[in-house]
Amino acid sequence: MSAVTGAKRRVHIHAVGDVSERSKCGGWAVVLTHGSLQKEFAGSESETTGDVLRWRAVTEGLAKLKGPVQVELCVDEEPQETPEMTRLLDRYDTATTMRTDCADEPACRLAADLARHQRRGLEIRTRQASGTKDTVEDALNDFLAERWPDMYAFEQTDAVLAALRHYIRKRGEGTSSFRPWASDAEVLRRSDATRKPVAALPELMKGFIPQDSLPTAGVRVDARVVHELLTWLVGRGLVDRDGAGKQLARAARFADLELGIQPFLEACEEWLPEFPDDLVQERRLGEHVTVERVRPRMITFSELGEVMVPGPVANLAETGWYLLVSAASVRGRWYLTDEVVDLL
């Protein structure tokens, strides 16, 4: 690589290529930083390799340079130098160094995210082109292909959509890690979900909330994606407006409840007491209860009645929550103890 003294500006080029060996779809991205300024560029290619994409990202970044510069290339793996790259380097008064130890830097992580997003978008468009246009899977592919450029702006949306696809595919095979919003769990046991007609999608959506604890912000993203998908389908006449409306209301209610209950669960973890066995007259473990009434330092649960709780816990409780709790009777009073689990 060329090295010329007297470079006036120092530019960092963070370049990443992401390719799927199975689909041969790939994405590339480059992030240019100069002081506090930052620009991103990205694209996708099919039937490609990681080295080709890495080279594409580097050359696209170099092509954006103007004037004498000092360049630091940050890549996960050094790309093979090509005549095109050499021509671009020699085009400027350029001093170039290369690093491969920058994967954890924010700009490199951003480039990796952008490249992965481009690759997945190309995979979605490829699946869309091969669909029959009359199943849940086809509807999801159409939605994602049309809306994919907008999706990156939503935090965690990529993971949420991957979970949605996994749910639709796997929920009839006993491998789903998702739970229903309502009591109609038989919906989750129907097999062959991907070949259900599009009109069935609102029913399938009842199970789409990841059981693993999502960050609070992720709950809003869940609801946002569900809302976007159902609204898109309704607008094209693919699902019944009333049925979709009910599911949208459930999604909004779930998000509101989940966001409200997280601080309560955190307070329980911090404040609930532990009593030694010699003080406990009776224990109730793993009780399914509903919050019926909340007062200072006391919550009334179905199945348990009045239970003493620390003030910071009571202050965050709301009626209507469905919980899994444990309690201990000490000196004639019940106290909430141990772990409290959200059963919304």
Protein backbone atom coordinates (compact mmCIF):
# COMPACT_ATOMS: atom_id res chain seq x y z
CA MET A 1 0.00 0.00 0.00
CA SER A 2 1.21 3.48 -0.79
CA ALA A 3 2.58 5.80 1.86
CA VAL A 4 2.91 9.52 1.18
CA THR A 5 4.01 12.02 3.77
CA GLY A 6 2.23 15.25 4.57
CA ALA A 7 -1.34 13.93 4.66
CA LYS A 8 -3.69 16.68 5.82
CA ARG A 9 -6.66 14.72 7.23
CA ARG A 10 -6.98 11.42 9.04
CA VAL A 11 -9.96 9.31 7.96
CA HIS A 12 -10.98 5.98 9.47
CA ILE A 13 -12.68 3.48 7.15
CA HIS A 14 -14.49 0.67 8.98
CA ALA A 15 -15.42 -1.96 6.38
CA VAL A 16 -17.37 -5.20 6.89
CA GLY A 17 -18.71 -7.93 4.60
CA ASP A 18 -21.35 -10.39 5.82
CA VAL A 19 -22.29 -13.45 3.74
CA SER A 20 -24.43 -16.54 4.29
CA GLU A 21 -22.78 -19.73 3.05
CA ARG A 22 -26.21 -21.32 2.69
CA SER A 23 -28.02 -18.64 0.69
CA LYS A 24 -24.93 -17.03 -0.91
CA CYS A 25 -26.57 -13.69 -0.13
CA GLY A 26 -24.34 -11.04 1.35
CA GLY A 27 -24.22 -7.49 2.56
CA TRP A 28 -21.41 -4.98 2.84
CA ALA A 29 -21.13 -1.76 4.81
CA VAL A 30 -18.56 0.92 5.36
CA VAL A 31 -18.48 3.62 8.03
CA LEU A 32 -16.24 6.64 7.42
CA THR A 33 -15.25 8.76 10.41
CA HIS A 34 -13.31 12.01 10.43
CA GLY A 35 -13.26 13.75 13.78
CA SER A 36 -16.90 14.08 14.86
CA LEU A 37 -18.22 13.50 11.33
CA GLN A 38 -19.51 10.07 10.31
CA LYS A 39 -21.09 8.67 7.15
CA GLU A 40 -22.39 5.19 6.39
CA PHE A 41 -22.78 3.37 3.07
CA ALA A 42 -24.10 -0.15 2.52
CA GLY A 43 -25.33 -2.55 -0.14
CA SER A 44 -25.98 -6.20 -0.94
CA GLU A 45 -24.94 -8.78 -3.52
CA SER A 46 -25.94 -12.35 -4.34
CA GLU A 47 -23.77 -15.34 -5.27
CA THR A 48 -20.79 -13.80 -3.54
CA THR A 49 -18.10 -14.44 -0.94
CA GLY A 50 -16.96 -12.71 2.22
CA ASP A 51 -13.72 -11.51 0.63
CA VAL A 52 -15.55 -10.02 -2.35
CA LEU A 53 -17.90 -8.15 -0.02
CA ARG A 54 -15.04 -6.97 2.19
CA TRP A 55 -13.24 -5.69 -0.91
CA ARG A 56 -16.44 -3.98 -2.05
CA ALA A 57 -16.82 -2.22 1.31
CA VAL A 58 -13.20 -1.02 1.30
CA THR A 59 -13.30 0.25 -2.28
CA GLU A 60 -16.65 1.97 -1.75
CA GLY A 61 -15.16 3.74 1.25
CA LEU A 62 -12.03 4.76 -0.62
CA ALA A 63 -14.11 6.06 -3.52
CA LYS A 64 -15.78 8.57 -1.17
CA LEU A 65 -12.49 10.23 -0.21
CA LYS A 66 -11.64 13.70 -1.48
CA GLY A 67 -8.33 15.46 -1.33
CA PRO A 68 -5.13 14.52 0.51
CA VAL A 69 -5.90 12.18 3.39
CA GLN A 70 -4.31 9.76 5.78
CA VAL A 71 -6.40 6.57 5.86
CA GLU A 72 -6.73 3.93 8.54
CA LEU A 73 -8.57 0.86 7.24
CA CYS A 74 -10.31 -1.13 9.97
CA VAL A 75 -11.44 -4.58 8.80
CA ASP A 76 -12.18 -7.91 10.47
CA GLU A 77 -9.88 -9.64 7.98
CA GLU A 78 -7.43 -8.09 5.55
CA PRO A 79 -8.88 -8.24 2.02
CA GLN A 80 -6.73 -9.31 -0.87
CA GLU A 81 -5.42 -6.21 -2.61
CA THR A 82 -6.76 -5.82 -6.14
CA PRO A 83 -5.89 -3.51 -9.05
CA GLU A 84 -9.06 -1.53 -8.29
CA MET A 85 -8.04 -0.99 -4.68
CA THR A 86 -4.49 -0.03 -5.68
CA ARG A 87 -5.83 2.44 -8.24
CA LEU A 88 -8.04 4.08 -5.63
CA LEU A 89 -5.21 4.30 -3.10
CA ASP A 90 -2.88 5.82 -5.68
CA ARG A 91 -5.56 8.28 -6.77
CA TYR A 92 -5.06 10.41 -3.68
CA ASP A 93 -2.17 11.78 -1.69
CA THR A 94 -2.82 8.89 0.68
CA ALA A 95 -0.94 7.30 3.55
CA THR A 96 -2.66 4.04 4.47
CA THR A 97 -2.45 1.70 7.44
CA MET A 98 -4.61 -1.35 8.10
CA ARG A 99 -5.93 -2.84 11.37
CA THR A 100 -7.80 -6.08 12.00
CA ASP A 101 -8.25 -5.70 15.78
CA CYS A 102 -11.10 -3.17 15.79
CA ALA A 103 -14.20 -5.41 15.85
CA ASP A 104 -15.33 -4.04 19.23
CA GLU A 105 -15.11 -0.38 18.26
CA PRO A 106 -18.51 1.36 17.88
CA ALA A 107 -18.01 2.23 14.21
CA CYS A 108 -17.04 -1.36 13.38
CA ARG A 109 -20.05 -2.71 15.27
CA LEU A 110 -22.27 -0.31 13.34
CA ALA A 111 -20.76 -1.45 10.04
CA ALA A 112 -21.33 -5.09 11.02
CA ASP A 113 -24.96 -4.37 11.91
CA LEU A 114 -25.54 -2.54 8.63
CA ALA A 115 -23.93 -5.33 6.59
CA ARG A 116 -25.99 -7.99 8.35
CA HIS A 117 -29.15 -5.94 7.79
CA GLN A 118 -28.36 -5.67 4.07
CA ARG A 119 -27.73 -9.40 3.82
CA ARG A 120 -31.00 -10.30 5.55
CA GLY A 121 -32.91 -7.87 3.36
CA LEU A 122 -31.57 -9.58 0.23
CA GLU A 123 -32.50 -12.99 1.65
CA ILE A 124 -36.04 -11.73 2.32
CA ARG A 125 -36.40 -10.36 -1.21
CA THR A 126 -35.13 -13.67 -2.59
CA ARG A 127 -37.69 -15.63 -0.55
CA GLN A 128 -40.42 -13.23 -1.63
CA ALA A 129 -39.70 -13.88 -5.30
CA SER A 130 -40.15 -17.65 -4.85
CA GLY A 131 -43.41 -17.59 -2.82
CA THR A 132 -46.91 -18.60 -3.91
CA LYS A 133 -48.48 -15.44 -2.39
CA ASP A 134 -51.24 -17.17 -0.41
CA THR A 135 -49.72 -18.30 2.88
CA VAL A 136 -48.63 -16.73 6.15
CA GLU A 137 -44.98 -17.17 5.19
CA ASP A 138 -45.54 -15.42 1.85
CA ALA A 139 -47.38 -12.53 3.50
CA LEU A 140 -44.55 -12.08 5.99
CA ASN A 141 -41.99 -12.12 3.19
CA ASP A 142 -43.94 -9.50 1.22
CA PHE A 143 -44.23 -7.27 4.27
CA LEU A 144 -40.54 -7.52 5.12
CA ALA A 145 -39.42 -6.97 1.53
CA GLU A 146 -41.49 -3.79 1.28
CA ARG A 147 -40.67 -2.37 4.70
CA TRP A 148 -37.10 -3.63 5.20
CA PRO A 149 -35.36 -0.32 4.41
CA ASP A 150 -37.28 1.29 7.30
CA MET A 151 -36.75 -1.48 9.83
CA TYR A 152 -33.18 -0.69 10.83
CA ALA A 153 -34.32 2.48 12.56
CA PHE A 154 -36.16 0.45 15.22
CA GLU A 155 -33.95 -0.85 18.01
CA GLN A 156 -33.89 -4.68 18.10
CA THR A 157 -36.40 -5.01 15.25
CA ASP A 158 -34.15 -7.39 13.35
CA ALA A 159 -34.18 -9.82 16.29
CA VAL A 160 -37.93 -9.39 16.79
CA LEU A 161 -38.67 -10.23 13.17
CA ALA A 162 -36.37 -13.25 13.30
CA ALA A 163 -38.28 -14.41 16.38
CA LEU A 164 -41.59 -13.88 14.58
CA ARG A 165 -40.47 -16.02 11.65
CA HIS A 166 -39.21 -18.69 14.04
CA TYR A 167 -42.53 -18.66 15.89
CA ILE A 168 -44.63 -19.04 12.74
CA ARG A 169 -42.47 -21.91 11.54
CA LYS A 170 -41.88 -23.80 14.77
CA ARG A 171 -44.89 -23.36 16.98
CA GLY A 172 -46.56 -26.56 15.80
CA GLU A 173 -43.44 -28.68 16.31
CA GLY A 174 -43.15 -28.41 20.08
CA THR A 175 -40.05 -26.21 19.90
CA SER A 176 -41.60 -22.76 20.28
CA SER A 177 -40.49 -20.66 23.25
CA PHE A 178 -43.50 -18.38 23.02
CA ARG A 179 -46.66 -18.02 25.05
CA PRO A 180 -50.22 -16.96 24.14
CA TRP A 181 -51.63 -13.62 25.16
CA ALA A 182 -55.01 -15.23 25.90
CA SER A 183 -56.14 -18.61 27.21
CA ASP A 184 -56.68 -20.19 23.79
CA ALA A 185 -53.45 -22.17 23.86
CA GLU A 186 -54.83 -24.63 21.29
CA VAL A 187 -53.85 -22.05 18.66
CA LEU A 188 -50.23 -22.77 19.48
CA ARG A 189 -50.64 -26.50 18.92
CA ARG A 190 -51.83 -26.33 15.32
CA SER A 191 -49.22 -27.74 12.98
CA ASP A 192 -47.90 -26.64 9.61
CA ALA A 193 -48.22 -22.95 10.40
CA THR A 194 -46.37 -21.67 7.37
CA ARG A 195 -49.04 -23.07 5.01
CA LYS A 196 -51.98 -21.55 6.87
CA PRO A 197 -53.95 -19.03 4.79
CA VAL A 198 -53.09 -15.39 5.31
CA ALA A 199 -56.46 -14.77 6.98
CA ALA A 200 -55.29 -16.92 9.92
CA LEU A 201 -52.43 -14.59 10.76
CA PRO A 202 -54.20 -12.56 13.49
CA GLU A 203 -54.83 -15.82 15.37
CA LEU A 204 -51.21 -16.87 14.97
CA MET A 205 -50.04 -13.52 16.30
CA LYS A 206 -51.59 -14.27 19.69
CA GLY A 207 -48.51 -16.26 20.61
CA PHE A 208 -45.94 -13.76 19.52
CA ILE A 209 -44.27 -12.36 22.61
CA PRO A 210 -40.85 -13.86 23.48
CA GLN A 211 -40.88 -15.65 26.82
CA ASP A 212 -37.23 -14.85 27.48
CA SER A 213 -37.03 -11.55 29.31
CA LEU A 214 -36.84 -8.76 26.78
CA PRO A 215 -35.40 -5.41 27.79
CA THR A 216 -38.18 -2.91 28.47
CA ALA A 217 -37.48 -1.10 25.20
CA GLY A 218 -37.84 -4.40 23.35
CA VAL A 219 -41.46 -4.76 24.44
CA ARG A 220 -42.34 -1.56 22.63
CA VAL A 221 -40.50 -2.80 19.54
CA ASP A 222 -42.47 -6.06 19.71
CA ALA A 223 -45.74 -4.16 19.74
CA ARG A 224 -44.53 -1.80 17.00
CA VAL A 225 -43.65 -4.65 14.64
CA VAL A 226 -46.92 -6.47 15.32
CA HIS A 227 -48.82 -3.24 14.66
CA GLU A 228 -46.91 -2.53 11.45
CA LEU A 229 -47.45 -6.04 10.09
CA LEU A 230 -51.16 -6.28 10.84
CA THR A 231 -51.84 -2.76 9.59
CA TRP A 232 -50.01 -3.58 6.36
CA LEU A 233 -52.05 -6.76 5.87
CA VAL A 234 -55.36 -5.02 6.60
CA GLY A 235 -54.52 -2.26 4.14
CA ARG A 236 -54.13 -4.85 1.39
CA GLY A 237 -57.32 -6.69 2.27
CA LEU A 238 -55.42 -9.83 3.28
CA VAL A 239 -56.87 -10.13 6.80
CA ASP A 240 -60.14 -9.16 8.44
CA ARG A 241 -60.04 -5.64 9.87
CA ASP A 242 -62.02 -6.54 13.02
CA GLY A 243 -59.87 -9.58 13.81
CA ALA A 244 -56.68 -7.62 13.30
CA GLY A 245 -58.03 -4.76 15.41
CA LYS A 246 -58.57 -7.08 18.36
CA GLN A 247 -55.01 -8.34 18.11
CA LEU A 248 -53.63 -4.81 17.89
CA ALA A 249 -55.53 -3.90 21.04
CA ARG A 250 -54.09 -6.97 22.79
CA ALA A 251 -50.58 -6.06 21.66
CA ALA A 252 -50.94 -2.51 22.99
CA ARG A 253 -52.40 -3.73 26.29
CA PHE A 254 -49.64 -6.29 26.71
CA ALA A 255 -46.95 -3.69 26.08
CA ASP A 256 -48.50 -1.30 28.60
CA LEU A 257 -48.79 -4.01 31.26
CA GLU A 258 -45.31 -5.37 30.63
CA LEU A 259 -43.73 -1.94 30.81
CA GLY A 260 -45.57 -1.21 34.04
CA ILE A 261 -44.70 -4.47 35.73
CA GLN A 262 -40.93 -4.44 35.13
CA PRO A 263 -40.14 -1.84 37.84
CA PHE A 264 -42.36 -3.81 40.25
CA LEU A 265 -40.44 -7.04 39.60
CA GLU A 266 -37.13 -5.23 40.06
CA ALA A 267 -38.34 -3.79 43.37
CA CYS A 268 -39.38 -7.28 44.51
CA GLU A 269 -35.91 -8.59 43.73
CA GLU A 270 -34.33 -5.79 45.74
CA TRP A 271 -36.69 -5.44 48.71
CA LEU A 272 -38.44 -8.74 49.48
CA PRO A 273 -37.30 -10.22 52.81
CA GLU A 274 -36.08 -13.72 53.60
CA PHE A 275 -37.24 -15.37 56.82
CA PRO A 276 -35.36 -18.22 58.57
CA ASP A 277 -37.37 -21.41 58.94
CA ASP A 278 -37.60 -21.11 62.73
CA LEU A 279 -39.69 -17.92 62.36
CA VAL A 280 -42.01 -19.22 59.63
CA GLN A 281 -45.28 -20.83 60.67
CA GLU A 282 -46.36 -21.73 57.11
CA ARG A 283 -45.10 -21.27 53.58
CA ARG A 284 -47.04 -21.01 50.30
CA LEU A 285 -44.79 -21.64 47.32
CA GLY A 286 -45.53 -20.97 43.65
CA GLU A 287 -49.08 -19.63 43.99
CA HIS A 288 -50.82 -18.35 40.85
CA VAL A 289 -52.52 -15.14 42.00
CA THR A 290 -54.13 -11.95 40.72
CA VAL A 291 -53.54 -8.57 42.34
CA GLU A 292 -56.97 -7.53 43.68
CA ARG A 293 -56.16 -4.51 45.86
CA VAL A 294 -53.13 -2.36 46.65
CA ARG A 295 -52.60 -0.39 49.87
CA PRO A 296 -49.49 1.08 51.54
CA ARG A 297 -47.25 -1.86 52.52
CA MET A 298 -49.98 -4.40 51.68
CA ILE A 299 -51.28 -6.19 48.58
CA THR A 300 -54.43 -8.31 48.49
CA PHE A 301 -54.00 -11.36 46.25
CA SER A 302 -56.57 -13.87 45.10
CA GLU A 303 -55.88 -17.25 46.75
CA LEU A 304 -53.69 -15.61 49.43
CA GLY A 305 -55.60 -12.62 50.80
CA GLU A 306 -53.74 -9.75 52.45
CA VAL A 307 -49.95 -10.00 52.20
CA MET A 308 -47.43 -7.59 53.72
CA VAL A 309 -44.86 -6.10 51.34
CA PRO A 310 -42.18 -3.41 51.66
CA GLY A 311 -43.35 0.10 50.78
CA PRO A 312 -41.24 0.41 47.58
CA VAL A 313 -42.92 -2.78 46.28
CA ALA A 314 -46.48 -1.75 47.13
CA ASN A 315 -45.97 1.66 45.55
CA LEU A 316 -45.39 0.05 42.14
CA ALA A 317 -48.15 -2.59 42.19
CA GLU A 318 -51.33 -2.39 40.10
CA THR A 319 -54.57 -4.34 40.28
CA GLY A 320 -55.20 -6.96 37.61
CA TRP A 321 -51.67 -8.33 37.37
CA TYR A 322 -51.37 -12.11 37.18
CA LEU A 323 -48.31 -13.35 39.08
CA LEU A 324 -46.57 -16.43 40.42
CA VAL A 325 -45.61 -15.67 44.03
CA SER A 326 -44.46 -17.25 47.28
CA ALA A 327 -45.36 -16.11 50.79
CA ALA A 328 -44.47 -16.91 54.39
CA SER A 329 -46.64 -16.63 57.51
CA VAL A 330 -44.68 -14.98 60.35
CA ARG A 331 -46.33 -14.09 63.67
CA GLY A 332 -49.77 -14.44 62.14
CA ARG A 333 -49.14 -12.25 59.09
CA TRP A 334 -48.36 -13.22 55.51
CA TYR A 335 -45.30 -11.69 53.84
CA LEU A 336 -44.33 -11.82 50.17
CA THR A 337 -41.01 -13.66 49.77
CA ASP A 338 -38.65 -15.14 47.22
CA GLU A 339 -38.96 -14.59 43.49
CA VAL A 340 -42.04 -13.04 41.89
CA VAL A 341 -42.74 -14.10 38.29
CA ASP A 342 -44.78 -12.18 35.72
CA LEU A 343 -47.51 -14.39 34.19
CA LEU A 344 -49.12 -11.80 31.90
